[in-house]
N, C-alpha and C. Protein backbone atom coordinates (compact mmCIF):
# COMPACT_ATOMS: atom_id res chain seq x y z
N SER A 1 -60.46 -47.21 -4.17
CA SER A 1 -59.74 -46.04 -3.48
C SER A 1 -60.16 -44.71 -3.34
N SER A 2 -59.81 -43.83 -2.14
CA SER A 2 -60.28 -42.06 -2.13
C SER A 2 -59.85 -41.49 -3.05
N SER A 3 -58.42 -41.46 -3.30
CA SER A 3 -57.65 -40.45 -4.14
C SER A 3 -58.20 -41.05 -5.45
N GLY A 4 -58.81 -42.19 -6.02
CA GLY A 4 -59.40 -42.17 -7.54
C GLY A 4 -59.32 -40.64 -8.32
N PRO A 5 -60.59 -40.19 -7.80
CA PRO A 5 -61.20 -39.19 -8.38
C PRO A 5 -60.26 -37.83 -8.10
N PHE A 6 -59.43 -37.65 -7.09
CA PHE A 6 -58.55 -36.66 -7.16
C PHE A 6 -57.35 -36.64 -8.16
N VAL A 7 -56.82 -38.00 -8.50
CA VAL A 7 -55.54 -38.78 -9.34
C VAL A 7 -56.43 -38.30 -10.34
N PHE A 8 -57.57 -38.72 -10.73
CA PHE A 8 -58.73 -38.61 -12.49
C PHE A 8 -58.13 -36.89 -12.46
N PHE A 9 -58.21 -36.26 -11.69
CA PHE A 9 -58.45 -34.68 -11.55
C PHE A 9 -57.58 -34.13 -11.97
N ILE A 10 -56.17 -34.77 -11.25
CA ILE A 10 -55.00 -34.71 -12.08
C ILE A 10 -54.37 -34.83 -13.40
N TYR A 11 -54.67 -35.82 -13.99
CA TYR A 11 -54.53 -36.39 -14.79
C TYR A 11 -55.42 -35.21 -16.13
N SER A 12 -56.28 -35.40 -15.79
CA SER A 12 -57.52 -34.49 -16.81
C SER A 12 -57.07 -33.70 -17.19
N GLU A 13 -56.83 -32.44 -15.82
CA GLU A 13 -56.18 -30.95 -15.85
C GLU A 13 -54.61 -31.18 -16.87
N ARG A 14 -53.59 -31.74 -16.68
CA ARG A 14 -52.54 -32.39 -17.15
C ARG A 14 -52.71 -32.36 -18.88
N VAL A 15 -53.65 -33.26 -19.28
CA VAL A 15 -53.77 -33.82 -20.85
C VAL A 15 -54.73 -32.03 -21.42
N GLN A 16 -55.50 -31.63 -20.53
CA GLN A 16 -56.29 -30.25 -20.97
C GLN A 16 -55.13 -29.37 -21.11
N MET A 17 -54.54 -29.11 -20.30
CA MET A 17 -53.21 -28.12 -20.25
C MET A 17 -52.10 -28.51 -21.28
N GLY A 18 -51.88 -29.96 -21.89
CA GLY A 18 -51.31 -30.07 -22.67
C GLY A 18 -49.58 -30.99 -22.08
N GLY A 19 -50.01 -31.09 -20.43
CA GLY A 19 -49.34 -32.06 -19.96
C GLY A 19 -48.69 -33.05 -20.42
N ASN A 20 -49.26 -33.83 -21.54
CA ASN A 20 -48.98 -34.86 -22.02
C ASN A 20 -47.75 -34.95 -23.43
N GLN A 21 -47.31 -33.46 -23.28
CA GLN A 21 -46.68 -32.42 -24.49
C GLN A 21 -45.30 -33.20 -24.19
N SER A 22 -44.16 -33.49 -24.64
CA SER A 22 -42.94 -33.71 -24.63
C SER A 22 -42.47 -32.18 -24.59
N ALA A 23 -40.95 -31.91 -23.95
CA ALA A 23 -40.50 -30.32 -24.00
C ALA A 23 -39.79 -30.18 -25.35
N GLU A 24 -39.89 -31.21 -26.70
CA GLU A 24 -39.52 -30.62 -27.52
C GLU A 24 -40.90 -30.11 -28.38
N GLU A 25 -42.05 -30.61 -27.75
CA GLU A 25 -43.22 -29.81 -28.37
C GLU A 25 -43.82 -28.66 -27.88
N ALA A 26 -43.18 -28.48 -26.70
CA ALA A 26 -44.37 -27.48 -25.95
C ALA A 26 -43.47 -25.97 -26.99
N PRO A 27 -44.42 -25.36 -26.62
CA PRO A 27 -44.20 -23.86 -27.86
C PRO A 27 -43.65 -22.78 -26.38
N LYS A 28 -42.76 -22.37 -26.73
CA LYS A 28 -41.13 -21.70 -26.61
C LYS A 28 -41.73 -20.41 -26.67
N ALA A 29 -42.22 -19.63 -25.49
CA ALA A 29 -42.38 -18.24 -25.41
C ALA A 29 -41.14 -17.65 -25.64
N ALA A 30 -41.55 -16.22 -26.39
CA ALA A 30 -40.28 -15.27 -26.56
C ALA A 30 -39.20 -14.91 -25.48
N ALA A 31 -37.92 -15.04 -25.19
CA ALA A 31 -37.17 -14.20 -24.40
C ALA A 31 -37.57 -13.09 -24.42
N PRO A 32 -37.77 -12.49 -23.06
CA PRO A 32 -37.95 -11.06 -23.12
C PRO A 32 -36.83 -10.36 -23.13
N THR A 33 -36.34 -9.01 -23.99
CA THR A 33 -35.73 -8.33 -24.42
C THR A 33 -34.72 -7.63 -23.04
N PRO A 34 -33.71 -7.32 -22.84
CA PRO A 34 -32.70 -6.65 -22.33
C PRO A 34 -33.66 -5.32 -21.69
N GLN A 35 -34.51 -4.51 -22.43
CA GLN A 35 -34.79 -3.62 -22.33
C GLN A 35 -36.01 -3.91 -20.92
N ASP A 36 -37.01 -4.79 -21.65
CA ASP A 36 -37.90 -5.63 -20.94
C ASP A 36 -37.44 -5.91 -19.49
N SER A 37 -36.45 -7.02 -19.50
CA SER A 37 -36.00 -6.78 -18.26
C SER A 37 -36.00 -5.97 -17.05
N ILE A 38 -34.89 -5.24 -17.88
CA ILE A 38 -34.69 -3.35 -16.81
C ILE A 38 -35.84 -2.64 -16.33
N ALA A 39 -36.84 -2.88 -17.31
CA ALA A 39 -38.01 -2.09 -17.19
C ALA A 39 -38.85 -2.83 -15.65
N LYS A 40 -39.26 -4.24 -15.88
CA LYS A 40 -39.02 -5.05 -15.11
C LYS A 40 -39.03 -4.56 -13.63
N LEU A 41 -37.34 -4.85 -13.45
CA LEU A 41 -36.52 -4.56 -12.55
C LEU A 41 -36.66 -3.45 -11.93
N ASP A 42 -36.74 -2.41 -12.72
CA ASP A 42 -37.44 -0.69 -12.11
C ASP A 42 -37.80 -0.56 -11.26
N ALA A 43 -39.23 -1.15 -11.99
CA ALA A 43 -40.79 -1.66 -11.27
C ALA A 43 -40.70 -2.30 -9.65
N GLN A 44 -39.92 -3.08 -9.97
CA GLN A 44 -39.73 -3.58 -8.11
C GLN A 44 -38.66 -3.60 -7.64
N ILE A 45 -37.59 -2.25 -7.88
CA ILE A 45 -36.86 -1.39 -7.49
C ILE A 45 -37.29 -0.37 -6.47
N ALA A 46 -38.39 0.39 -7.35
CA ALA A 46 -39.71 1.40 -6.61
C ALA A 46 -40.27 0.86 -5.71
N ASN A 47 -41.00 -0.75 -6.08
CA ASN A 47 -41.58 -1.17 -4.91
C ASN A 47 -41.05 -1.46 -3.88
N LEU A 48 -39.83 -1.38 -3.91
CA LEU A 48 -38.96 -2.10 -2.80
C LEU A 48 -38.56 -1.08 -2.03
N GLU A 49 -38.29 0.13 -2.76
CA GLU A 49 -37.90 1.61 -2.10
C GLU A 49 -39.47 2.33 -1.11
N THR A 50 -40.22 1.26 -2.39
CA THR A 50 -41.64 2.20 -0.99
C THR A 50 -41.96 1.56 0.17
N LYS A 51 -41.25 0.03 0.07
CA LYS A 51 -41.50 -1.11 1.44
C LYS A 51 -40.18 -0.49 2.44
N ILE A 52 -39.57 -0.55 1.68
CA ILE A 52 -38.09 0.27 2.72
C ILE A 52 -39.00 1.61 3.16
N GLU A 53 -39.10 2.16 2.92
CA GLU A 53 -39.49 3.86 3.60
C GLU A 53 -40.93 3.37 4.76
N LYS A 54 -42.24 2.60 4.41
CA LYS A 54 -42.88 2.04 5.24
C LYS A 54 -42.39 1.43 6.15
N SER A 55 -41.51 0.37 5.73
CA SER A 55 -41.01 -0.01 7.20
C SER A 55 -40.28 0.76 7.93
N ASN A 56 -39.54 2.00 7.48
CA ASN A 56 -38.68 2.96 8.27
C ASN A 56 -39.66 3.71 9.17
N ASN A 57 -40.92 4.10 8.04
CA ASN A 57 -41.77 5.27 9.26
C ASN A 57 -42.40 4.33 10.09
N ASP A 58 -42.61 2.57 9.90
CA ASP A 58 -43.72 2.01 10.81
C ASP A 58 -42.61 1.93 12.11
N ALA A 59 -41.15 1.49 12.00
CA ALA A 59 -40.66 1.55 13.42
C ALA A 59 -40.21 2.62 13.79
N LYS A 60 -40.42 4.02 13.28
CA LYS A 60 -40.22 5.37 14.06
C LYS A 60 -41.83 5.23 14.67
N LYS A 61 -42.67 4.89 14.10
CA LYS A 61 -43.92 5.34 14.95
C LYS A 61 -44.20 3.97 15.94
N TRP A 62 -43.32 2.71 15.84
CA TRP A 62 -43.61 1.96 16.80
C TRP A 62 -42.50 2.52 18.19
N MET A 63 -41.56 2.65 17.33
CA MET A 63 -40.24 3.45 18.68
C MET A 63 -40.94 4.29 19.84
N ALA A 64 -41.78 5.53 18.96
CA ALA A 64 -42.49 6.43 19.78
C ALA A 64 -43.74 5.41 21.05
N GLN A 65 -43.61 4.79 20.43
CA GLN A 65 -45.05 4.75 21.16
C GLN A 65 -44.31 3.42 22.44
N ALA A 66 -43.13 3.31 22.14
CA ALA A 66 -41.98 2.26 22.97
C ALA A 66 -42.56 2.55 24.99
N SER A 67 -42.53 4.06 24.94
CA SER A 67 -42.96 3.85 26.44
C SER A 67 -44.37 3.38 27.34
N THR A 68 -45.23 3.80 26.20
CA THR A 68 -46.71 3.46 26.92
C THR A 68 -47.06 1.93 26.28
N ASN A 69 -46.54 1.24 25.03
CA ASN A 69 -46.80 0.01 24.51
C ASN A 69 -45.98 -0.60 24.48
N PRO A 70 -45.80 -2.12 25.69
CA PRO A 70 -44.80 -2.73 25.53
C PRO A 70 -44.38 -3.60 24.56
N SER A 71 -45.57 -4.02 23.65
CA SER A 71 -44.95 -4.81 22.54
C SER A 71 -44.59 -3.90 21.16
N ALA A 72 -43.97 -2.36 21.41
CA ALA A 72 -43.60 -1.73 20.12
C ALA A 72 -42.46 -1.96 20.44
N LYS A 73 -41.44 -2.20 21.16
CA LYS A 73 -40.54 -2.28 20.71
C LYS A 73 -39.80 -3.32 19.84
N ALA A 74 -40.68 -4.56 20.05
CA ALA A 74 -40.26 -5.93 19.29
C ALA A 74 -41.01 -5.54 17.96
N ARG A 75 -41.85 -4.66 17.89
CA ARG A 75 -42.48 -4.10 16.23
C ARG A 75 -41.86 -3.26 15.98
N ALA A 76 -41.14 -2.64 16.16
CA ALA A 76 -40.18 -1.88 15.58
C ALA A 76 -39.13 -2.25 14.78
N MET A 77 -38.56 -3.48 16.23
CA MET A 77 -37.26 -4.24 15.61
C MET A 77 -37.50 -5.19 14.40
N GLN A 78 -39.23 -5.75 14.69
CA GLN A 78 -39.12 -6.71 13.63
C GLN A 78 -39.56 -5.81 11.95
N CYS A 79 -40.16 -4.14 12.23
CA CYS A 79 -40.07 -2.95 11.26
C CYS A 79 -38.65 -2.68 10.27
N LEU A 80 -37.51 -3.03 11.32
CA LEU A 80 -36.30 -2.57 11.24
C LEU A 80 -35.69 -3.82 10.29
N LYS A 81 -35.79 -5.33 10.76
CA LYS A 81 -35.45 -6.31 10.10
C LYS A 81 -35.87 -6.55 8.61
N MET A 82 -37.26 -6.00 8.54
CA MET A 82 -37.88 -6.34 7.33
C MET A 82 -37.31 -5.42 6.75
N LYS A 83 -36.95 -3.95 7.13
CA LYS A 83 -36.73 -2.90 6.11
C LYS A 83 -34.91 -3.38 5.83
N LYS A 84 -34.15 -4.15 6.54
CA LYS A 84 -32.82 -4.62 6.12
C LYS A 84 -33.28 -6.06 4.99
N GLN A 85 -34.07 -6.35 4.73
CA GLN A 85 -34.33 -7.54 3.92
C GLN A 85 -34.74 -6.99 2.83
N TYR A 86 -35.98 -6.00 2.88
CA TYR A 86 -35.84 -5.35 1.75
C TYR A 86 -35.04 -4.49 0.89
N GLU A 87 -33.78 -4.15 1.84
CA GLU A 87 -32.74 -3.00 1.40
C GLU A 87 -31.76 -4.24 0.66
N GLN A 88 -31.48 -5.59 1.22
CA GLN A 88 -30.83 -6.51 0.47
C GLN A 88 -31.45 -7.07 -0.80
N HIS A 89 -32.54 -7.36 -0.81
CA HIS A 89 -33.28 -7.47 -1.81
C HIS A 89 -33.16 -6.58 -3.14
N ARG A 90 -33.50 -5.09 -2.33
CA ARG A 90 -33.42 -4.51 -3.57
C ARG A 90 -31.80 -3.93 -4.09
N ASP A 91 -30.80 -4.05 -3.16
CA ASP A 91 -29.58 -4.24 -3.69
C ASP A 91 -29.46 -5.37 -4.45
N GLN A 92 -29.60 -6.02 -4.26
CA GLN A 92 -29.42 -7.31 -4.69
C GLN A 92 -29.66 -7.22 -7.13
N LEU A 93 -31.08 -6.69 -6.36
CA LEU A 93 -31.89 -6.35 -8.02
C LEU A 93 -31.38 -5.02 -8.82
N MET A 94 -30.71 -4.21 -7.97
CA MET A 94 -29.84 -3.20 -8.39
C MET A 94 -28.75 -3.68 -9.18
N SER A 95 -27.98 -4.93 -8.66
CA SER A 95 -26.54 -5.76 -9.33
C SER A 95 -27.54 -5.94 -10.28
N THR A 96 -28.31 -7.07 -10.20
CA THR A 96 -28.67 -7.61 -11.58
C THR A 96 -29.01 -6.73 -12.72
N GLN A 97 -29.60 -5.61 -12.16
CA GLN A 97 -30.49 -4.48 -13.08
C GLN A 97 -29.09 -3.91 -14.44
N PHE A 98 -28.03 -3.76 -13.18
CA PHE A 98 -26.62 -3.16 -13.76
C PHE A 98 -26.22 -4.31 -14.64
N ASN A 99 -25.74 -5.86 -14.36
CA ASN A 99 -25.44 -6.59 -15.32
C ASN A 99 -26.24 -6.69 -16.64
N LEU A 100 -27.69 -6.20 -16.83
CA LEU A 100 -28.39 -6.37 -17.73
C LEU A 100 -27.92 -5.41 -18.22
N GLU A 101 -27.70 -3.90 -18.05
CA GLU A 101 -27.32 -2.62 -19.00
C GLU A 101 -26.26 -2.60 -19.40
N HIS A 102 -25.35 -3.53 -18.63
CA HIS A 102 -23.91 -3.95 -19.28
C HIS A 102 -24.21 -4.80 -20.09
N MET A 103 -24.79 -5.42 -20.62
CA MET A 103 -25.24 -6.78 -21.26
C MET A 103 -25.70 -6.16 -22.85
N ASP A 104 -26.85 -4.71 -21.93
CA ASP A 104 -27.52 -4.58 -23.48
C ASP A 104 -26.28 -3.60 -24.09
N PHE A 105 -25.27 -2.82 -23.43
CA PHE A 105 -24.64 -2.06 -23.61
C PHE A 105 -23.86 -2.73 -24.54
N GLN A 106 -23.14 -4.24 -24.03
CA GLN A 106 -22.35 -4.92 -24.76
C GLN A 106 -22.40 -5.54 -25.78
N GLN A 107 -24.43 -5.70 -26.34
CA GLN A 107 -25.02 -5.65 -27.52
C GLN A 107 -24.87 -5.07 -28.26
N ALA A 108 -25.62 -3.97 -28.00
CA ALA A 108 -25.45 -2.51 -29.06
C ALA A 108 -24.12 -2.46 -29.49
N GLN A 109 -23.12 -2.06 -28.95
CA GLN A 109 -21.70 -2.09 -29.77
C GLN A 109 -21.30 -3.44 -30.36
N ALA A 110 -21.93 -5.03 -30.07
CA ALA A 110 -21.63 -5.76 -30.85
C ALA A 110 -22.27 -5.62 -32.30
N ASP A 111 -23.70 -5.32 -32.44
CA ASP A 111 -24.43 -5.33 -33.47
C ASP A 111 -23.53 -3.62 -34.80
N VAL A 112 -22.98 -2.56 -33.66
CA VAL A 112 -22.35 -1.52 -34.34
C VAL A 112 -21.08 -2.15 -35.17
N THR A 113 -20.30 -2.82 -34.59
CA THR A 113 -19.32 -3.50 -34.89
C THR A 113 -19.66 -4.74 -36.12
N ALA A 114 -20.93 -5.53 -36.29
CA ALA A 114 -21.28 -6.10 -37.44
C ALA A 114 -21.87 -5.23 -38.22
N THR A 115 -22.08 -4.47 -37.86
CA THR A 115 -22.93 -3.74 -38.93
C THR A 115 -21.47 -2.80 -40.07
N ALA A 116 -20.59 -2.32 -39.09
CA ALA A 116 -19.00 -1.66 -39.70
C ALA A 116 -18.15 -2.79 -40.31
N VAL A 117 -18.90 -4.43 -40.02
CA VAL A 117 -17.55 -5.14 -40.73
C VAL A 117 -18.22 -5.48 -42.14
N ALA A 118 -19.89 -5.38 -42.01
CA ALA A 118 -21.07 -5.98 -43.27
C ALA A 118 -20.47 -4.95 -43.96
N ALA A 119 -20.29 -3.48 -43.57
CA ALA A 119 -20.09 -2.08 -44.35
C ALA A 119 -19.06 -2.56 -45.06
N MET A 120 -17.64 -2.90 -44.24
CA MET A 120 -16.31 -3.03 -45.20
C MET A 120 -16.26 -3.91 -46.06
N ALA A 121 -17.38 -5.22 -46.04
CA ALA A 121 -17.06 -6.42 -46.44
C ALA A 121 -17.69 -6.00 -48.05
N ALA A 122 -18.53 -5.20 -47.69
CA ALA A 122 -19.35 -4.58 -48.62
C ALA A 122 -18.80 -3.88 -49.79
N GLY A 123 -18.01 -2.85 -49.04
CA GLY A 123 -17.04 -1.78 -49.68
C GLY A 123 -15.82 -2.53 -50.35
N ARG A 124 -15.41 -3.65 -50.01
CA ARG A 124 -14.22 -4.85 -50.96
C ARG A 124 -15.22 -4.92 -52.33
N ASP A 125 -16.02 -5.90 -51.94
CA ASP A 125 -16.91 -6.53 -52.66
C ASP A 125 -17.26 -5.05 -54.08
N GLN A 126 -17.52 -4.37 -53.30
CA GLN A 126 -17.74 -3.10 -54.90
C GLN A 126 -16.08 -2.99 -55.22
N MET A 127 -15.14 -2.73 -54.90
CA MET A 127 -13.87 -2.50 -55.05
C MET A 127 -13.44 -3.61 -56.10
N LYS A 128 -13.18 -5.03 -55.65
CA LYS A 128 -13.38 -5.96 -56.17
C LYS A 128 -13.75 -5.70 -57.63
N ALA A 129 -15.11 -5.31 -57.52
CA ALA A 129 -16.01 -5.36 -58.80
C ALA A 129 -15.35 -4.17 -59.68
N GLN A 130 -15.52 -3.21 -59.90
CA GLN A 130 -14.57 -2.34 -60.60
C GLN A 130 -13.39 -2.63 -60.42
N GLN A 131 -12.74 -3.36 -60.22
CA GLN A 131 -11.38 -3.46 -60.48
C GLN A 131 -11.28 -4.44 -61.53
N LEU A 132 -12.16 -5.55 -61.42
CA LEU A 132 -12.66 -6.09 -62.90
C LEU A 132 -13.09 -5.62 -64.19
N THR A 133 -13.59 -4.39 -63.78
CA THR A 133 -13.91 -3.99 -65.73
C THR A 133 -12.75 -2.89 -66.12
N LEU A 134 -11.53 -3.12 -65.06
CA LEU A 134 -10.32 -1.92 -65.34
C LEU A 134 -8.99 -3.39 -65.21
N ASN A 135 -7.70 -2.48 -66.02
CA ASN A 135 -6.88 -3.85 -66.24
C ASN A 135 -5.72 -2.91 -66.22
N VAL A 136 -4.53 -3.27 -66.00
CA VAL A 136 -3.12 -2.05 -66.65
C VAL A 136 -3.30 -1.75 -67.86
N GLU A 137 -3.49 -3.18 -68.74
CA GLU A 137 -3.17 -2.64 -69.94
C GLU A 137 -3.99 -1.54 -70.55
N SER A 138 -5.22 -1.72 -69.86
CA SER A 138 -6.34 -0.75 -70.46
C SER A 138 -5.91 0.75 -70.26
N VAL A 139 -5.47 0.95 -68.46
CA VAL A 139 -5.60 1.99 -68.38
C VAL A 139 -4.19 2.51 -69.04
N GLU A 140 -3.41 1.80 -69.08
CA GLU A 140 -1.58 2.44 -69.77
C GLU A 140 -2.17 2.68 -71.23
N LYS A 141 -2.77 2.26 -71.80
CA LYS A 141 -3.51 2.06 -73.44
C LYS A 141 -4.08 3.84 -73.28
N ILE A 142 -4.99 4.12 -72.13
CA ILE A 142 -5.94 5.27 -71.93
C ILE A 142 -5.01 6.78 -71.94
N THR A 143 -4.15 5.80 -71.09
CA THR A 143 -2.67 7.10 -70.53
C THR A 143 -1.83 7.66 -71.99
N ASP A 144 -1.61 7.00 -72.24
CA ASP A 144 -1.02 6.65 -74.04
C ASP A 144 -1.50 7.76 -75.16
N ASP A 145 -3.05 7.29 -75.02
CA ASP A 145 -4.16 7.94 -75.74
C ASP A 145 -4.15 9.10 -75.59
N LEU A 146 -4.13 8.98 -74.45
CA LEU A 146 -4.08 11.17 -73.95
C LEU A 146 -3.25 11.73 -74.32
N GLN A 147 -1.52 10.76 -74.08
CA GLN A 147 -0.54 11.57 -74.29
C GLN A 147 -0.53 11.72 -75.63
N ASP A 148 -0.46 11.00 -76.26
CA ASP A 148 -0.42 11.27 -78.02
C ASP A 148 -1.73 12.44 -78.33
N LEU A 149 -3.19 12.75 -77.81
CA LEU A 149 -3.63 13.66 -78.11
C LEU A 149 -3.10 15.38 -77.48
N GLN A 150 -2.47 14.91 -76.54
CA GLN A 150 -2.18 16.05 -76.29
C GLN A 150 -0.72 17.07 -76.81
N ALA A 151 -0.33 15.62 -77.15
CA ALA A 151 1.08 16.24 -78.32
C ALA A 151 0.58 16.33 -79.21
N GLU A 152 -0.44 15.88 -80.07
CA GLU A 152 -1.39 16.68 -81.26
C GLU A 152 -1.78 17.58 -80.93
N MET A 153 -2.53 18.34 -80.00
CA MET A 153 -3.41 19.28 -79.98
C MET A 153 -1.67 20.27 -79.64
N GLN A 154 -0.43 20.20 -79.09
CA GLN A 154 0.30 20.76 -79.08
C GLN A 154 0.82 21.51 -80.14
N ASP A 155 0.98 20.44 -81.36
CA ASP A 155 1.69 20.44 -82.12
C ASP A 155 0.51 21.44 -83.30
N ILE A 156 -0.72 21.32 -83.11
CA ILE A 156 -1.39 22.08 -83.83
C ILE A 156 -1.75 23.66 -83.82
N GLN A 157 -1.68 23.66 -81.96
CA GLN A 157 -1.35 25.40 -81.48
C GLN A 157 0.19 25.70 -82.13
N ASN A 158 0.67 24.70 -82.44
CA ASN A 158 2.46 25.54 -82.56
C ASN A 158 2.20 25.75 -84.27
N ALA A 159 1.08 25.02 -84.69
CA ALA A 159 1.25 25.44 -86.22
C ALA A 159 0.33 26.68 -86.50
N LEU A 160 -0.56 27.24 -85.90
CA LEU A 160 -1.23 28.10 -85.76
C LEU A 160 -1.07 29.18 -85.31
N ALA A 161 0.52 29.06 -84.47
CA ALA A 161 0.94 30.08 -83.82
C ALA A 161 1.69 30.75 -84.84
N GLY A 162 2.74 29.38 -85.49
CA GLY A 162 3.64 30.31 -86.48
C GLY A 162 3.31 30.60 -87.86
N SER A 163 1.73 30.46 -88.01
CA SER A 163 1.53 30.86 -89.11
C SER A 163 0.60 31.98 -89.24
N ALA A 164 0.95 32.78 -88.38
CA ALA A 164 0.24 34.53 -87.71
C ALA A 164 1.37 35.12 -88.86
N LEU A 165 0.27 36.26 -89.39
CA LEU A 165 0.77 37.04 -90.77
C LEU A 165 1.09 38.22 -90.20
């Protein structure tokens, strides 16, 4: 058959490129971060802005030639149609970029919340550990001992004050 070498070529390319690997075996590429995606969208939006400006300028140029060039008006209309398509594509990209920025903000808020919860849990655990070293009886004994010491000191001070010559 005449397609034999072509089929073999495609098969050999698949084998060389890992085409016989199953989906589970294929290495997974790291997902882009929201910041990476936002930067890529920025570049695409800037590129579209340039194309919009060029289409607009080209349309003006062709309209200026409309009186002398019979196809100039059609070319100007084509430029305006392209400009409109570029604007629609830019608007879609800007909406996508807004959604990514909003998601990135929400992720940052979730990270802050998770950090706060982790800090609260650590504080609770520290308080529990400290509470284990203290109990009501030991605190009452310490305060009773302090009161006894204060009373004894007061008696000593009174004895010294009463024995004045």
